N, C-alpha and C. Protein backbone atom coordinates (compact mmCIF):
# COMPACT_ATOMS: atom_id res chain seq x y z
N MET A 1 93.96 106.84 101.05
CA MET A 1 92.58 107.20 101.26
C MET A 1 92.09 107.91 100.00
N ASN A 2 90.92 107.54 99.54
CA ASN A 2 90.39 108.15 98.32
C ASN A 2 89.86 109.56 98.60
N PRO A 3 89.64 110.35 97.54
CA PRO A 3 89.21 111.74 97.74
C PRO A 3 87.89 111.88 98.51
N ASP A 4 86.96 110.96 98.32
CA ASP A 4 85.69 111.04 99.05
C ASP A 4 85.89 110.84 100.56
N ALA A 5 86.73 109.87 100.91
CA ALA A 5 87.01 109.63 102.33
C ALA A 5 87.77 110.81 102.93
N ARG A 6 88.71 111.37 102.17
CA ARG A 6 89.47 112.53 102.65
C ARG A 6 88.53 113.71 102.90
N ALA A 7 87.60 113.95 101.98
CA ALA A 7 86.63 115.04 102.14
C ALA A 7 85.74 114.79 103.35
N ALA A 8 85.35 113.53 103.56
CA ALA A 8 84.52 113.20 104.73
C ALA A 8 85.26 113.47 106.02
N LEU A 9 86.54 113.07 106.08
CA LEU A 9 87.35 113.30 107.27
C LEU A 9 87.52 114.80 107.52
N SER A 10 87.84 115.53 106.49
CA SER A 10 88.01 116.97 106.61
C SER A 10 86.72 117.63 107.12
N GLY A 11 85.60 117.21 106.55
CA GLY A 11 84.31 117.75 106.98
C GLY A 11 84.01 117.45 108.43
N LEU A 12 84.31 116.23 108.86
CA LEU A 12 84.10 115.84 110.25
C LEU A 12 84.93 116.70 111.19
N LEU A 13 86.22 116.85 110.90
CA LEU A 13 87.12 117.60 111.78
C LEU A 13 86.78 119.09 111.83
N ARG A 14 86.26 119.63 110.74
CA ARG A 14 85.90 121.05 110.72
C ARG A 14 84.52 121.32 111.32
N LYS A 15 83.59 120.37 111.18
CA LYS A 15 82.23 120.58 111.65
C LYS A 15 82.07 120.35 113.15
N GLU A 16 82.59 119.22 113.62
CA GLU A 16 82.41 118.88 115.03
C GLU A 16 83.28 119.80 115.88
N ARG A 17 82.83 120.06 117.11
CA ARG A 17 83.57 120.97 118.00
C ARG A 17 83.95 120.32 119.31
N ILE A 18 83.42 119.14 119.56
CA ILE A 18 83.66 118.44 120.82
C ILE A 18 84.53 117.21 120.55
N ALA A 19 85.51 117.02 121.40
CA ALA A 19 86.35 115.83 121.34
C ALA A 19 86.39 115.21 122.73
N HIS A 20 86.74 113.96 122.76
CA HIS A 20 87.05 113.31 124.04
C HIS A 20 88.56 113.19 124.08
N LEU A 21 89.13 113.74 125.12
CA LEU A 21 90.58 113.80 125.30
C LEU A 21 90.99 112.71 126.28
N ALA A 22 91.82 111.80 125.79
CA ALA A 22 92.33 110.72 126.64
C ALA A 22 93.73 111.06 127.11
N THR A 23 93.93 110.95 128.41
CA THR A 23 95.23 111.19 129.03
C THR A 23 95.57 109.99 129.90
N LEU A 24 96.78 109.98 130.41
CA LEU A 24 97.18 108.93 131.34
C LEU A 24 97.22 109.53 132.74
N ARG A 25 96.48 108.91 133.63
CA ARG A 25 96.40 109.39 135.02
C ARG A 25 96.78 108.24 135.93
N GLY A 26 97.93 108.38 136.56
CA GLY A 26 98.41 107.32 137.45
C GLY A 26 98.60 106.01 136.71
N GLY A 27 98.99 106.08 135.45
CA GLY A 27 99.25 104.88 134.67
C GLY A 27 98.03 104.25 134.02
N ALA A 28 96.87 104.86 134.19
CA ALA A 28 95.64 104.33 133.60
C ALA A 28 94.98 105.40 132.74
N PRO A 29 94.25 104.99 131.70
CA PRO A 29 93.60 105.98 130.84
C PRO A 29 92.46 106.70 131.55
N MET A 30 92.31 107.98 131.21
CA MET A 30 91.21 108.81 131.70
C MET A 30 90.73 109.62 130.50
N VAL A 31 89.43 109.69 130.31
CA VAL A 31 88.88 110.40 129.16
C VAL A 31 87.93 111.48 129.65
N SER A 32 88.04 112.65 129.04
CA SER A 32 87.14 113.75 129.39
C SER A 32 86.74 114.50 128.12
N MET A 33 85.61 115.17 128.20
CA MET A 33 85.13 115.96 127.08
C MET A 33 85.87 117.29 127.05
N THR A 34 86.20 117.75 125.85
CA THR A 34 86.81 119.06 125.70
C THR A 34 86.40 119.65 124.36
N LEU A 35 86.63 120.93 124.20
CA LEU A 35 86.46 121.59 122.91
C LEU A 35 87.80 121.53 122.20
N TYR A 36 87.78 121.55 120.88
CA TYR A 36 89.04 121.51 120.13
C TYR A 36 88.94 122.40 118.89
N LEU A 37 90.11 122.77 118.41
CA LEU A 37 90.24 123.57 117.19
C LEU A 37 91.34 122.96 116.34
N PRO A 38 91.00 122.50 115.13
CA PRO A 38 92.07 121.99 114.26
C PRO A 38 92.75 123.14 113.53
N ASP A 39 94.04 122.99 113.24
CA ASP A 39 94.63 123.99 112.37
C ASP A 39 94.21 123.66 110.94
N GLU A 40 94.52 124.54 110.02
CA GLU A 40 94.04 124.41 108.64
C GLU A 40 94.47 123.11 107.98
N THR A 41 95.63 122.59 108.32
CA THR A 41 96.17 121.41 107.65
C THR A 41 96.01 120.13 108.46
N PHE A 42 95.43 120.20 109.63
CA PHE A 42 95.28 119.06 110.55
C PHE A 42 96.62 118.54 111.02
N SER A 43 97.63 119.40 111.01
CA SER A 43 98.94 119.00 111.55
C SER A 43 99.03 119.33 113.03
N ALA A 44 98.01 119.98 113.57
CA ALA A 44 97.92 120.27 115.00
C ALA A 44 96.46 120.50 115.37
N PHE A 45 96.16 120.21 116.62
CA PHE A 45 94.84 120.45 117.20
C PHE A 45 95.07 121.18 118.51
N TYR A 46 94.21 122.15 118.80
CA TYR A 46 94.38 122.98 120.00
C TYR A 46 93.23 122.74 120.97
N VAL A 47 93.58 122.74 122.25
CA VAL A 47 92.59 122.74 123.32
C VAL A 47 92.95 123.89 124.25
N HIS A 48 91.95 124.49 124.84
CA HIS A 48 92.14 125.60 125.79
C HIS A 48 91.54 125.12 127.10
N VAL A 49 92.40 124.78 128.05
CA VAL A 49 91.94 124.07 129.25
C VAL A 49 92.48 124.70 130.53
N SER A 50 91.79 124.41 131.61
CA SER A 50 92.15 124.91 132.93
C SER A 50 93.18 123.99 133.57
N ARG A 51 94.13 124.59 134.27
CA ARG A 51 95.12 123.76 134.98
C ARG A 51 94.49 123.01 136.15
N LEU A 52 93.26 123.37 136.52
CA LEU A 52 92.55 122.67 137.58
C LEU A 52 91.95 121.35 137.09
N ALA A 53 91.82 121.20 135.79
CA ALA A 53 91.23 119.98 135.22
C ALA A 53 92.22 118.82 135.30
N TRP A 54 91.70 117.65 135.52
CA TRP A 54 92.56 116.47 135.59
C TRP A 54 93.34 116.27 134.30
N HIS A 55 92.68 116.48 133.14
CA HIS A 55 93.40 116.24 131.89
C HIS A 55 94.60 117.16 131.74
N THR A 56 94.51 118.38 132.23
CA THR A 56 95.65 119.30 132.15
C THR A 56 96.77 118.83 133.08
N GLN A 57 96.41 118.45 134.29
CA GLN A 57 97.41 117.92 135.22
C GLN A 57 98.08 116.68 134.65
N ASP A 58 97.29 115.85 133.97
CA ASP A 58 97.84 114.63 133.36
C ASP A 58 98.82 114.97 132.23
N MET A 59 98.47 115.94 131.38
CA MET A 59 99.35 116.32 130.26
C MET A 59 100.67 116.90 130.76
N LEU A 60 100.63 117.56 131.92
CA LEU A 60 101.87 118.07 132.51
C LEU A 60 102.79 116.93 132.93
N GLN A 61 102.22 115.80 133.30
CA GLN A 61 102.99 114.63 133.74
C GLN A 61 103.42 113.74 132.58
N ASP A 62 102.54 113.60 131.58
CA ASP A 62 102.80 112.70 130.44
C ASP A 62 102.11 113.30 129.22
N PRO A 63 102.86 113.75 128.23
CA PRO A 63 102.27 114.45 127.10
C PRO A 63 101.58 113.55 126.07
N ARG A 64 101.60 112.24 126.27
CA ARG A 64 100.92 111.34 125.32
C ARG A 64 99.42 111.42 125.54
N VAL A 65 98.70 111.75 124.47
CA VAL A 65 97.26 111.92 124.53
C VAL A 65 96.60 111.31 123.30
N ALA A 66 95.29 111.25 123.35
CA ALA A 66 94.49 110.88 122.17
C ALA A 66 93.24 111.74 122.17
N LEU A 67 92.83 112.11 120.97
CA LEU A 67 91.56 112.81 120.78
C LEU A 67 90.62 111.88 120.03
N SER A 68 89.40 111.78 120.48
CA SER A 68 88.38 111.01 119.79
C SER A 68 87.29 111.98 119.36
N ILE A 69 87.05 112.03 118.06
CA ILE A 69 86.07 112.96 117.51
C ILE A 69 85.07 112.15 116.70
N GLY A 70 83.80 112.29 117.00
CA GLY A 70 82.79 111.52 116.32
C GLY A 70 81.69 112.38 115.75
N GLU A 71 81.10 111.87 114.70
CA GLU A 71 79.94 112.52 114.09
C GLU A 71 78.80 112.53 115.10
N THR A 72 78.08 113.62 115.19
CA THR A 72 76.96 113.74 116.12
C THR A 72 75.90 112.69 115.80
N ASP A 73 75.44 112.02 116.83
CA ASP A 73 74.41 111.00 116.67
C ASP A 73 73.14 111.64 116.13
N ASP A 74 72.66 111.12 115.01
CA ASP A 74 71.46 111.67 114.39
C ASP A 74 70.25 110.75 114.54
N GLY A 75 70.38 109.73 115.40
CA GLY A 75 69.27 108.84 115.67
C GLY A 75 69.12 107.70 114.67
N ARG A 76 70.09 107.54 113.78
CA ARG A 76 69.97 106.46 112.78
C ARG A 76 69.91 105.09 113.46
N ALA A 77 69.39 104.12 112.75
CA ALA A 77 69.19 102.78 113.30
C ALA A 77 70.50 102.14 113.73
N ASP A 78 71.57 102.34 112.98
CA ASP A 78 72.85 101.72 113.31
C ASP A 78 73.89 102.80 113.59
N PRO A 79 74.13 103.14 114.85
CA PRO A 79 75.09 104.19 115.17
C PRO A 79 76.52 103.85 114.76
N PHE A 80 76.82 102.56 114.51
CA PHE A 80 78.17 102.20 114.07
C PHE A 80 78.48 102.73 112.67
N THR A 81 77.49 103.25 111.97
CA THR A 81 77.75 103.84 110.66
C THR A 81 78.16 105.31 110.76
N LEU A 82 78.14 105.86 111.97
CA LEU A 82 78.60 107.24 112.17
C LEU A 82 80.11 107.31 111.98
N MET A 83 80.58 108.41 111.38
CA MET A 83 82.02 108.60 111.21
C MET A 83 82.66 108.96 112.53
N ARG A 84 83.93 108.53 112.69
CA ARG A 84 84.70 108.90 113.88
C ARG A 84 86.18 108.74 113.58
N VAL A 85 86.97 109.49 114.33
CA VAL A 85 88.41 109.43 114.18
C VAL A 85 89.06 109.48 115.56
N SER A 86 90.08 108.68 115.74
CA SER A 86 90.90 108.72 116.94
C SER A 86 92.28 109.17 116.52
N ILE A 87 92.78 110.19 117.19
CA ILE A 87 94.07 110.78 116.85
C ILE A 87 94.98 110.65 118.06
N ARG A 88 96.09 109.94 117.89
CA ARG A 88 97.08 109.85 118.97
C ARG A 88 98.14 110.92 118.72
N GLY A 89 98.59 111.55 119.82
CA GLY A 89 99.57 112.60 119.63
C GLY A 89 100.30 112.98 120.90
N HIS A 90 100.98 114.09 120.79
CA HIS A 90 101.83 114.63 121.85
C HIS A 90 101.35 116.04 122.15
N ALA A 91 101.06 116.32 123.42
CA ALA A 91 100.53 117.62 123.84
C ALA A 91 101.63 118.49 124.44
N THR A 92 101.65 119.74 124.04
CA THR A 92 102.60 120.72 124.57
C THR A 92 101.83 121.98 124.95
N GLN A 93 102.09 122.46 126.16
CA GLN A 93 101.48 123.72 126.59
C GLN A 93 102.19 124.85 125.85
N ILE A 94 101.40 125.80 125.31
CA ILE A 94 101.98 126.91 124.56
C ILE A 94 101.53 128.22 125.17
N SER A 95 102.38 129.22 125.06
CA SER A 95 102.06 130.50 125.69
C SER A 95 101.16 131.38 124.83
N ASP A 96 101.18 131.17 123.53
CA ASP A 96 100.40 132.02 122.64
C ASP A 96 99.68 131.15 121.62
N GLY A 97 98.41 130.90 121.85
CA GLY A 97 97.64 130.05 120.95
C GLY A 97 96.76 130.85 120.01
N PRO A 98 95.96 130.15 119.22
CA PRO A 98 95.11 130.78 118.21
C PRO A 98 93.83 131.38 118.82
N LYS A 99 94.01 132.41 119.63
CA LYS A 99 92.89 132.99 120.37
C LYS A 99 91.76 133.49 119.46
N ASP A 100 92.09 134.21 118.40
CA ASP A 100 91.05 134.76 117.52
C ASP A 100 90.25 133.65 116.85
N ALA A 101 90.93 132.63 116.36
CA ALA A 101 90.25 131.50 115.73
C ALA A 101 89.41 130.74 116.76
N TRP A 102 89.94 130.61 117.97
CA TRP A 102 89.21 129.93 119.04
C TRP A 102 87.90 130.66 119.34
N LEU A 103 87.99 131.99 119.47
CA LEU A 103 86.80 132.76 119.80
C LEU A 103 85.81 132.83 118.64
N ALA A 104 86.29 132.72 117.41
CA ALA A 104 85.38 132.66 116.26
C ALA A 104 84.58 131.36 116.30
N ARG A 105 85.21 130.30 116.75
CA ARG A 105 84.56 128.99 116.82
C ARG A 105 83.74 128.83 118.10
N PHE A 106 84.21 129.45 119.20
CA PHE A 106 83.57 129.32 120.52
C PHE A 106 83.41 130.70 121.18
N PRO A 107 82.56 131.55 120.67
CA PRO A 107 82.46 132.91 121.23
C PRO A 107 82.07 132.96 122.70
N GLU A 108 81.33 131.97 123.18
CA GLU A 108 80.92 131.96 124.58
C GLU A 108 82.08 131.65 125.52
N GLN A 109 83.22 131.26 124.99
CA GLN A 109 84.37 130.91 125.82
C GLN A 109 85.28 132.11 126.13
N ALA A 110 84.88 133.30 125.72
CA ALA A 110 85.71 134.49 125.94
C ALA A 110 86.06 134.70 127.41
N ILE A 111 85.16 134.35 128.29
CA ILE A 111 85.39 134.52 129.72
C ILE A 111 86.63 133.76 130.18
N ASN A 112 86.92 132.62 129.55
CA ASN A 112 88.06 131.81 129.98
C ASN A 112 89.40 132.50 129.75
N PHE A 113 89.43 133.46 128.85
CA PHE A 113 90.67 134.19 128.60
C PHE A 113 90.94 135.24 129.68
N GLU A 114 89.95 135.47 130.54
CA GLU A 114 90.13 136.39 131.66
C GLU A 114 90.58 135.64 132.92
N LEU A 115 90.58 134.32 132.86
CA LEU A 115 90.95 133.51 134.01
C LEU A 115 92.40 133.06 133.87
N ALA A 116 93.16 133.21 134.93
CA ALA A 116 94.61 132.92 134.88
C ALA A 116 94.94 131.44 134.75
N ASP A 117 93.99 130.56 135.06
CA ASP A 117 94.31 129.13 135.05
C ASP A 117 94.10 128.45 133.69
N PHE A 118 93.65 129.18 132.67
CA PHE A 118 93.44 128.59 131.35
C PHE A 118 94.64 128.84 130.45
N SER A 119 94.97 127.84 129.65
CA SER A 119 96.05 127.99 128.68
C SER A 119 95.78 127.08 127.48
N PHE A 120 96.46 127.41 126.40
CA PHE A 120 96.38 126.59 125.19
C PHE A 120 97.37 125.44 125.27
N TRP A 121 96.96 124.34 124.72
CA TRP A 121 97.81 123.17 124.50
C TRP A 121 97.72 122.82 123.03
N LYS A 122 98.86 122.52 122.45
CA LYS A 122 98.93 122.11 121.05
C LYS A 122 99.16 120.61 121.01
N ILE A 123 98.29 119.92 120.32
CA ILE A 123 98.42 118.47 120.18
C ILE A 123 98.88 118.19 118.74
N VAL A 124 100.07 117.62 118.64
CA VAL A 124 100.64 117.27 117.34
C VAL A 124 100.39 115.78 117.11
N PRO A 125 99.66 115.44 116.04
CA PRO A 125 99.32 114.04 115.81
C PRO A 125 100.54 113.16 115.55
N ARG A 126 100.44 111.95 116.02
CA ARG A 126 101.40 110.88 115.73
C ARG A 126 100.83 109.98 114.63
N ASP A 127 99.54 109.64 114.80
CA ASP A 127 98.83 108.84 113.82
C ASP A 127 97.34 108.95 114.12
N ALA A 128 96.54 108.34 113.25
CA ALA A 128 95.08 108.41 113.43
C ALA A 128 94.43 107.18 112.82
N ARG A 129 93.25 106.91 113.28
CA ARG A 129 92.41 105.84 112.73
C ARG A 129 91.05 106.45 112.45
N PHE A 130 90.70 106.49 111.17
CA PHE A 130 89.44 107.09 110.72
C PHE A 130 88.49 105.99 110.29
N VAL A 131 87.32 105.99 110.89
CA VAL A 131 86.26 105.07 110.50
C VAL A 131 85.21 105.90 109.78
N ALA A 132 85.12 105.71 108.47
CA ALA A 132 84.20 106.50 107.64
C ALA A 132 82.80 105.91 107.65
N GLY A 133 82.62 104.83 108.33
CA GLY A 133 81.36 104.11 108.41
C GLY A 133 81.69 102.64 108.58
N PHE A 134 80.68 101.82 108.73
CA PHE A 134 80.92 100.40 108.99
C PHE A 134 81.79 99.78 107.90
N GLY A 135 82.94 99.23 108.31
CA GLY A 135 83.83 98.55 107.39
C GLY A 135 84.70 99.45 106.53
N ARG A 136 84.62 100.76 106.70
CA ARG A 136 85.44 101.70 105.92
C ARG A 136 86.43 102.36 106.87
N ILE A 137 87.57 101.69 107.05
CA ILE A 137 88.55 102.08 108.07
C ILE A 137 89.85 102.48 107.40
N HIS A 138 90.43 103.57 107.87
CA HIS A 138 91.68 104.09 107.32
C HIS A 138 92.66 104.35 108.45
N ASN A 139 93.83 103.73 108.40
CA ASN A 139 94.92 104.01 109.33
C ASN A 139 95.79 105.07 108.70
N LEU A 140 96.04 106.15 109.42
CA LEU A 140 96.75 107.31 108.85
C LEU A 140 97.96 107.67 109.67
N SER A 141 99.06 107.97 109.01
CA SER A 141 100.19 108.56 109.69
C SER A 141 99.88 110.05 109.89
N ALA A 142 100.72 110.73 110.66
CA ALA A 142 100.54 112.18 110.82
C ALA A 142 100.64 112.87 109.47
N THR A 143 101.52 112.40 108.61
CA THR A 143 101.66 112.98 107.27
C THR A 143 100.41 112.75 106.44
N ASP A 144 99.85 111.54 106.52
CA ASP A 144 98.61 111.25 105.80
C ASP A 144 97.47 112.17 106.27
N LEU A 145 97.39 112.37 107.57
CA LEU A 145 96.32 113.19 108.15
C LEU A 145 96.44 114.63 107.64
N ALA A 146 97.66 115.12 107.50
CA ALA A 146 97.88 116.51 107.10
C ALA A 146 97.97 116.68 105.59
N SER A 147 97.85 115.61 104.83
CA SER A 147 97.94 115.74 103.36
C SER A 147 96.73 116.48 102.82
N PRO A 148 96.95 117.29 101.79
CA PRO A 148 95.82 118.03 101.20
C PRO A 148 94.83 117.11 100.49
């Protein structure tokens, strides 16, 4: 991936705050909206979710997940020119996540840290597919995604 595409991907992952989290539920895909926080190197992505949510129950059964992150629709004539990335990975529930960084990114979510059913999950990428715009597609390994 050239430096311009790398900068575009980095900008997308740092700017956007909403992802669609795909899990397996009863052997079929299920997708839900969630908030996410990338680590500095993109070698992990964090979600803070309730155990009452289907996606959390699904991750407890099968840790294979995907995150889909897309550039916010700006009303352009051809939405297929919007950047987007799909990241496949493995989710693990963790006892101590990046709470301070999470609250810096999502200050309104502080209430969730007072609720016993919320916990952090760390998603470690397996690979990714980055579409920088129409016809500009990059297949990335986890190492490629985390490269500076």
